[in-house]
Amino acid sequence: MKHPIFAVLLSLFTVNACAEPEPIQRISFPIANIQIADIKRQVQLADTPELRERGLMFQQSAEPGMLLLYPEPRFISLWMRNTDLALDVAFIDPQWRIIAIKPLHPLDETPVSTPAAALAALEMPRGWFAKHNIEVGHTLTVIR
């Protein structure tokens, strides 16, 4: 090569491109006990900005579900970056009523938003709400 600097840069790029990707850091989520209608279950709890940002990304299963809890009501938009799972999300208002249930498609980065200010979002495996006859208007309770 006529330009030794170009050769050095090219070799550095090639070595870097072949390097193994950085491993995904595993995060432990606290557990919340919830009830909707007569269904009681444990779900992962994402109640900090860091945990809500991570959500179900990189997880292999949507089980047991995840409750994203916010400190005050707000308009929430979710997407599925790095989430290869088919989910449904229930948006929950400040009175803990479900105000909408929407599908979330694997790896889709299109925002899915609340129709009104919400305090929480409950992400469950696709079809879970329908299977358990959970609908808009049902109330979620966090069991202490």
C-alpha atoms as a PDB file:
ATOM      1  CA  MET A   1       0.000   0.000   0.000  1.00  0.00           C
ATOM      2  CA  LYS A   2       1.138   3.499  -0.743  1.00  0.00           C
ATOM      3  CA  HIS A   3      -0.275   5.034   2.443  1.00  0.00           C
ATOM      4  CA  PRO A   4       0.984   3.296   5.603  1.00  0.00           C
ATOM      5  CA  ILE A   5      -1.480   5.203   7.817  1.00  0.00           C
ATOM      6  CA  PHE A   6      -4.370   3.852   5.739  1.00  0.00           C
ATOM      7  CA  ALA A   7      -3.015   0.290   6.162  1.00  0.00           C
ATOM      8  CA  VAL A   8      -2.800   0.706   9.961  1.00  0.00           C
ATOM      9  CA  LEU A   9      -6.343   2.126  10.181  1.00  0.00           C
ATOM     10  CA  LEU A  10      -7.700  -0.650   7.977  1.00  0.00           C
ATOM     11  CA  SER A  11      -6.045  -3.345  10.105  1.00  0.00           C
ATOM     12  CA  LEU A  12      -7.409  -1.782  13.326  1.00  0.00           C
ATOM     13  CA  PHE A  13     -10.911  -1.661  11.858  1.00  0.00           C
ATOM     14  CA  THR A  14     -10.676  -5.300  10.753  1.00  0.00           C
ATOM     15  CA  VAL A  15      -9.516  -6.470  14.200  1.00  0.00           C
ATOM     16  CA  ASN A  16     -12.250  -4.462  15.944  1.00  0.00           C
ATOM     17  CA  ALA A  17     -14.934  -5.800  13.583  1.00  0.00           C
ATOM     18  CA  CYS A  18     -13.935  -9.374  14.442  1.00  0.00           C
ATOM     19  CA  ALA A  19     -13.997  -8.813  18.204  1.00  0.00           C
ATOM     20  CA  GLU A  20     -16.719 -10.580  20.180  1.00  0.00           C
ATOM     21  CA  PRO A  21     -19.661  -8.388  21.170  1.00  0.00           C
ATOM     22  CA  GLU A  22     -19.818  -7.260  24.771  1.00  0.00           C
ATOM     23  CA  PRO A  23     -21.963  -9.681  26.805  1.00  0.00           C
ATOM     24  CA  ILE A  24     -25.429  -8.515  27.838  1.00  0.00           C
ATOM     25  CA  GLN A  25     -25.456  -7.616  31.519  1.00  0.00           C
ATOM     26  CA  ARG A  26     -28.103  -9.590  33.393  1.00  0.00           C
ATOM     27  CA  ILE A  27     -30.338  -7.514  35.605  1.00  0.00           C
ATOM     28  CA  SER A  28     -32.327  -8.826  38.554  1.00  0.00           C
ATOM     29  CA  PHE A  29     -35.762  -7.284  38.918  1.00  0.00           C
ATOM     30  CA  PRO A  30     -37.673  -7.196  42.196  1.00  0.00           C
ATOM     31  CA  ILE A  31     -40.948  -9.124  42.279  1.00  0.00           C
ATOM     32  CA  ALA A  32     -44.422  -7.623  42.768  1.00  0.00           C
ATOM     33  CA  ASN A  33     -47.528  -9.569  43.723  1.00  0.00           C
ATOM     34  CA  ILE A  34     -50.536  -8.385  41.749  1.00  0.00           C
ATOM     35  CA  GLN A  35     -54.198  -9.237  41.347  1.00  0.00           C
ATOM     36  CA  ILE A  36     -56.558  -8.511  38.444  1.00  0.00           C
ATOM     37  CA  ALA A  37     -60.096  -9.860  38.795  1.00  0.00           C
ATOM     38  CA  ASP A  38     -59.571 -13.276  40.462  1.00  0.00           C
ATOM     39  CA  ILE A  39     -56.079 -13.785  38.993  1.00  0.00           C
ATOM     40  CA  LYS A  40     -53.166 -13.473  41.444  1.00  0.00           C
ATOM     41  CA  ARG A  41     -49.589 -13.722  40.222  1.00  0.00           C
ATOM     42  CA  GLN A  42     -46.050 -12.512  40.665  1.00  0.00           C
ATOM     43  CA  VAL A  43     -44.472 -10.267  38.035  1.00  0.00           C
ATOM     44  CA  GLN A  44     -41.144  -8.540  37.631  1.00  0.00           C
ATOM     45  CA  LEU A  45     -41.229  -4.939  38.874  1.00  0.00           C
ATOM     46  CA  ALA A  46     -39.547  -2.099  36.975  1.00  0.00           C
ATOM     47  CA  ASP A  47     -39.944   0.886  39.298  1.00  0.00           C
ATOM     48  CA  THR A  48     -36.776   2.897  38.617  1.00  0.00           C
ATOM     49  CA  PRO A  49     -35.746   4.723  35.435  1.00  0.00           C
ATOM     50  CA  GLU A  50     -32.970   2.160  34.819  1.00  0.00           C
ATOM     51  CA  LEU A  51     -35.249  -0.854  35.264  1.00  0.00           C
ATOM     52  CA  ARG A  52     -38.051   0.674  33.162  1.00  0.00           C
ATOM     53  CA  GLU A  53     -35.542   1.480  30.398  1.00  0.00           C
ATOM     54  CA  ARG A  54     -34.319  -2.127  30.355  1.00  0.00           C
ATOM     55  CA  GLY A  55     -37.752  -3.724  30.674  1.00  0.00           C
ATOM     56  CA  LEU A  56     -37.950  -7.127  28.999  1.00  0.00           C
ATOM     57  CA  MET A  57     -35.083  -6.414  26.592  1.00  0.00           C
ATOM     58  CA  PHE A  58     -32.817  -9.420  25.997  1.00  0.00           C
ATOM     59  CA  GLN A  59     -35.035 -11.760  28.060  1.00  0.00           C
ATOM     60  CA  GLN A  60     -35.823 -15.147  26.545  1.00  0.00           C
ATOM     61  CA  SER A  61     -39.366 -15.350  27.917  1.00  0.00           C
ATOM     62  CA  ALA A  62     -42.182 -12.948  28.712  1.00  0.00           C
ATOM     63  CA  GLU A  63     -42.988 -14.983  31.818  1.00  0.00           C
ATOM     64  CA  PRO A  64     -43.821 -14.012  34.475  1.00  0.00           C
ATOM     65  CA  GLY A  65     -44.648 -10.573  33.014  1.00  0.00           C
ATOM     66  CA  MET A  66     -43.499  -7.118  34.050  1.00  0.00           C
ATOM     67  CA  LEU A  67     -45.112  -4.165  35.822  1.00  0.00           C
ATOM     68  CA  LEU A  68     -43.542  -0.854  34.799  1.00  0.00           C
ATOM     69  CA  LEU A  69     -44.428   1.547  37.611  1.00  0.00           C
ATOM     70  CA  TYR A  70     -43.942   5.326  37.382  1.00  0.00           C
ATOM     71  CA  PRO A  71     -43.695   7.813  40.284  1.00  0.00           C
ATOM     72  CA  GLU A  72     -46.567   9.938  38.933  1.00  0.00           C
ATOM     73  CA  PRO A  73     -49.126   9.669  36.121  1.00  0.00           C
ATOM     74  CA  ARG A  74     -47.779  10.485  32.646  1.00  0.00           C
ATOM     75  CA  PHE A  75     -48.247   9.672  28.993  1.00  0.00           C
ATOM     76  CA  ILE A  76     -46.240   6.502  28.403  1.00  0.00           C
ATOM     77  CA  SER A  77     -44.783   5.283  25.111  1.00  0.00           C
ATOM     78  CA  LEU A  78     -43.225   1.827  24.852  1.00  0.00           C
ATOM     79  CA  TRP A  79     -41.301   0.126  22.068  1.00  0.00           C
ATOM     80  CA  MET A  80     -39.754  -3.282  21.549  1.00  0.00           C
ATOM     81  CA  ARG A  81     -36.083  -2.543  20.875  1.00  0.00           C
ATOM     82  CA  ASN A  82     -34.029  -5.682  21.615  1.00  0.00           C
ATOM     83  CA  THR A  83     -37.202  -7.506  22.699  1.00  0.00           C
ATOM     84  CA  ASP A  84     -37.897 -10.574  20.588  1.00  0.00           C
ATOM     85  CA  LEU A  85     -41.152 -11.455  22.373  1.00  0.00           C
ATOM     86  CA  ALA A  86     -44.816 -11.082  21.414  1.00  0.00           C
ATOM     87  CA  LEU A  87     -46.455  -9.111  24.218  1.00  0.00           C
ATOM     88  CA  ASP A  88     -49.661  -7.372  25.176  1.00  0.00           C
ATOM     89  CA  VAL A  89     -49.527  -4.310  27.403  1.00  0.00           C
ATOM     90  CA  ALA A  90     -52.242  -2.994  29.695  1.00  0.00           C
ATOM     91  CA  PHE A  91     -51.921   0.698  30.515  1.00  0.00           C
ATOM     92  CA  ILE A  92     -53.139   1.498  34.029  1.00  0.00           C
ATOM     93  CA  ASP A  93     -54.479   4.870  35.196  1.00  0.00           C
ATOM     94  CA  PRO A  94     -53.917   6.554  38.604  1.00  0.00           C
ATOM     95  CA  GLN A  95     -56.998   4.755  40.000  1.00  0.00           C
ATOM     96  CA  TRP A  96     -55.349   1.436  38.978  1.00  0.00           C
ATOM     97  CA  ARG A  97     -57.938   0.765  36.241  1.00  0.00           C
ATOM     98  CA  ILE A  98     -56.889  -0.643  32.884  1.00  0.00           C
ATOM     99  CA  ILE A  99     -57.473   2.103  30.303  1.00  0.00           C
ATOM    100  CA  ALA A 100     -56.141   0.266  27.224  1.00  0.00           C
ATOM    101  CA  ILE A 101     -54.719  -3.102  26.177  1.00  0.00           C
ATOM    102  CA  LYS A 102     -52.469  -3.026  23.107  1.00  0.00           C
ATOM    103  CA  PRO A 103     -50.248  -5.544  21.290  1.00  0.00           C
ATOM    104  CA  LEU A 104     -46.465  -5.095  21.214  1.00  0.00           C
ATOM    105  CA  HIS A 105     -44.736  -6.751  18.265  1.00  0.00           C
ATOM    106  CA  PRO A 106     -41.265  -8.355  18.531  1.00  0.00           C
ATOM    107  CA  LEU A 107     -38.396  -5.977  17.735  1.00  0.00           C
ATOM    108  CA  ASP A 108     -40.824  -3.221  16.548  1.00  0.00           C
ATOM    109  CA  GLU A 109     -39.454   0.205  17.439  1.00  0.00           C
ATOM    110  CA  THR A 110     -42.732   1.989  16.662  1.00  0.00           C
ATOM    111  CA  PRO A 111     -43.912   3.703  19.879  1.00  0.00           C
ATOM    112  CA  VAL A 112     -47.121   2.349  21.428  1.00  0.00           C
ATOM    113  CA  SER A 113     -48.652   5.048  23.634  1.00  0.00           C
ATOM    114  CA  THR A 114     -51.251   5.464  26.331  1.00  0.00           C
ATOM    115  CA  PRO A 115     -54.550   7.135  25.422  1.00  0.00           C
ATOM    116  CA  ALA A 116     -54.377   9.147  28.680  1.00  0.00           C
ATOM    117  CA  ALA A 117     -52.008   9.686  31.585  1.00  0.00           C
ATOM    118  CA  ALA A 118     -51.067   6.360  33.167  1.00  0.00           C
ATOM    119  CA  LEU A 119     -49.326   5.318  36.352  1.00  0.00           C
ATOM    120  CA  ALA A 120     -48.218   1.884  35.169  1.00  0.00           C
ATOM    121  CA  ALA A 121     -47.983  -0.550  32.277  1.00  0.00           C
ATOM    122  CA  LEU A 122     -48.336  -4.305  32.670  1.00  0.00           C
ATOM    123  CA  GLU A 123     -46.534  -6.302  29.962  1.00  0.00           C
ATOM    124  CA  MET A 124     -47.669  -9.912  29.612  1.00  0.00           C
ATOM    125  CA  PRO A 125     -47.183 -12.685  27.035  1.00  0.00           C
ATOM    126  CA  ARG A 126     -49.353 -12.173  23.917  1.00  0.00           C
ATOM    127  CA  GLY A 127     -52.898 -13.372  24.560  1.00  0.00           C
ATOM    128  CA  TRP A 128     -52.634 -13.484  28.369  1.00  0.00           C
ATOM    129  CA  PHE A 129     -55.260 -10.776  28.963  1.00  0.00           C
ATOM    130  CA  ALA A 130     -57.739 -12.377  26.517  1.00  0.00           C
ATOM    131  CA  LYS A 131     -57.139 -15.871  27.953  1.00  0.00           C
ATOM    132  CA  HIS A 132     -58.019 -14.602  31.445  1.00  0.00           C
ATOM    133  CA  ASN A 133     -60.910 -12.360  30.277  1.00  0.00           C
ATOM    134  CA  ILE A 134     -59.081  -9.264  31.524  1.00  0.00           C
ATOM    135  CA  GLU A 135     -60.499  -6.162  29.839  1.00  0.00           C
ATOM    136  CA  VAL A 136     -60.415  -2.385  29.890  1.00  0.00           C
ATOM    137  CA  GLY A 137     -62.049  -1.235  33.125  1.00  0.00           C
ATOM    138  CA  HIS A 138     -60.676  -4.038  35.304  1.00  0.00           C
ATOM    139  CA  THR A 139     -58.685  -2.923  38.335  1.00  0.00           C
ATOM    140  CA  LEU A 140     -55.153  -4.019  39.178  1.00  0.00           C
ATOM    141  CA  THR A 141     -54.143  -4.347  42.819  1.00  0.00           C
ATOM    142  CA  VAL A 142     -50.566  -4.561  44.075  1.00  0.00           C
ATOM    143  CA  ILE A 143     -50.685  -6.973  47.043  1.00  0.00           C
ATOM    144  CA  ARG A 144     -48.379  -6.028  49.876  1.00  0.00           C
END
